[in-house]
């Protein structure tokens, strides 16, 4: 799915699937890559945004790992209650 289709579906409210944070970050990253900065200031802003995306990806990965562990613990607790 390309960015134009994603944008059109979003604006028309036709988004049917639950998109992950990673998907959204990739879309933002691709949009940033397509920008053509004209000044050094604009280049630095785009660079800073790329760095922010990297940090968000890192923190998202950590949160997903923690969520997976918590879901496994919850499942074990639920199985313990059923027995």
Protein backbone atom coordinates (compact mmCIF):
# COMPACT_ATOMS: atom_id res chain seq x y z
CA UNK A 1 0.00 0.00 0.00
CA UNK A 2 1.53 3.32 -1.00
CA UNK A 3 1.32 6.60 0.86
CA UNK A 4 -1.26 8.10 -1.52
CA UNK A 5 -3.65 5.18 -1.05
CA UNK A 6 -3.15 5.24 2.71
CA UNK A 7 -3.86 8.97 2.84
CA UNK A 8 -6.93 8.68 0.61
CA UNK A 9 -8.35 5.84 2.70
CA UNK A 10 -7.68 7.76 5.91
CA UNK A 11 -9.36 10.93 4.65
CA UNK A 12 -12.35 9.02 3.34
CA UNK A 13 -12.63 6.98 6.54
CA UNK A 14 -12.12 3.72 4.68
CA UNK A 15 -9.30 2.45 6.82
CA UNK A 16 -10.34 -1.09 7.72
CA UNK A 17 -7.24 -2.52 9.26
CA UNK A 18 -5.64 -1.64 12.55
CA UNK A 19 -2.24 -0.33 11.54
CA UNK A 20 0.71 -0.70 13.88
CA UNK A 21 2.83 2.09 15.28
CA UNK A 22 5.71 0.77 13.17
CA UNK A 23 3.63 1.19 10.00
CA UNK A 24 2.85 4.79 10.89
CA UNK A 25 6.50 5.52 11.68
CA UNK A 26 7.53 4.05 8.34
CA UNK A 27 5.00 6.24 6.53
CA UNK A 28 6.28 9.35 8.32
CA UNK A 29 9.88 8.38 7.61
CA UNK A 30 9.13 7.90 3.91
CA UNK A 31 7.41 11.28 3.78
CA UNK A 32 10.44 12.91 5.39
CA UNK A 33 12.76 11.23 2.91
CA UNK A 34 10.76 12.67 0.03
CA UNK A 35 11.23 16.24 1.28
CA UNK A 36 13.83 18.38 -0.47
CA UNK A 37 15.18 20.87 2.07
CA UNK A 38 16.35 24.17 0.61
CA UNK A 39 18.29 25.47 3.59
CA UNK A 40 20.66 24.05 6.15
CA UNK A 41 18.08 24.82 8.85
CA UNK A 42 15.48 22.66 7.07
CA UNK A 43 18.05 19.86 6.68
CA UNK A 44 18.77 19.94 10.40
CA UNK A 45 15.06 19.84 11.25
CA UNK A 46 14.55 16.81 9.03
CA UNK A 47 17.60 15.13 10.55
CA UNK A 48 16.24 15.82 14.05
CA UNK A 49 12.87 14.32 13.07
CA UNK A 50 14.60 11.17 11.80
CA UNK A 51 16.39 10.90 15.13
CA UNK A 52 13.09 11.27 16.99
CA UNK A 53 11.61 8.48 14.87
CA UNK A 54 14.55 6.23 15.77
CA UNK A 55 13.96 6.89 19.47
CA UNK A 56 10.22 6.24 19.13
CA UNK A 57 10.95 2.94 17.36
CA UNK A 58 13.33 1.92 20.14
CA UNK A 59 10.86 2.79 22.89
CA UNK A 60 8.00 1.13 20.99
CA UNK A 61 10.02 -2.09 20.72
CA UNK A 62 10.65 -2.02 24.48
CA UNK A 63 6.95 -1.42 25.20
CA UNK A 64 5.92 -4.25 22.86
CA UNK A 65 8.32 -6.61 24.66
CA UNK A 66 6.93 -5.58 28.06
CA UNK A 67 3.37 -5.96 26.79
CA UNK A 68 4.15 -9.47 25.51
CA UNK A 69 5.58 -10.46 28.90
CA UNK A 70 2.54 -9.01 30.70
CA UNK A 71 0.15 -10.83 28.36
CA UNK A 72 1.96 -14.11 29.04
CA UNK A 73 1.79 -13.49 32.79
CA UNK A 74 -1.91 -12.65 32.56
CA UNK A 75 -2.55 -15.82 30.60
CA UNK A 76 -0.73 -17.88 33.23
CA UNK A 77 -2.77 -16.24 35.99
CA UNK A 78 -6.03 -16.90 34.14
CA UNK A 79 -5.05 -20.54 33.62
CA UNK A 80 -4.24 -20.80 37.34
CA UNK A 81 -7.64 -19.41 38.28
CA UNK A 82 -9.45 -21.88 36.00
CA UNK A 83 -7.81 -24.86 37.66
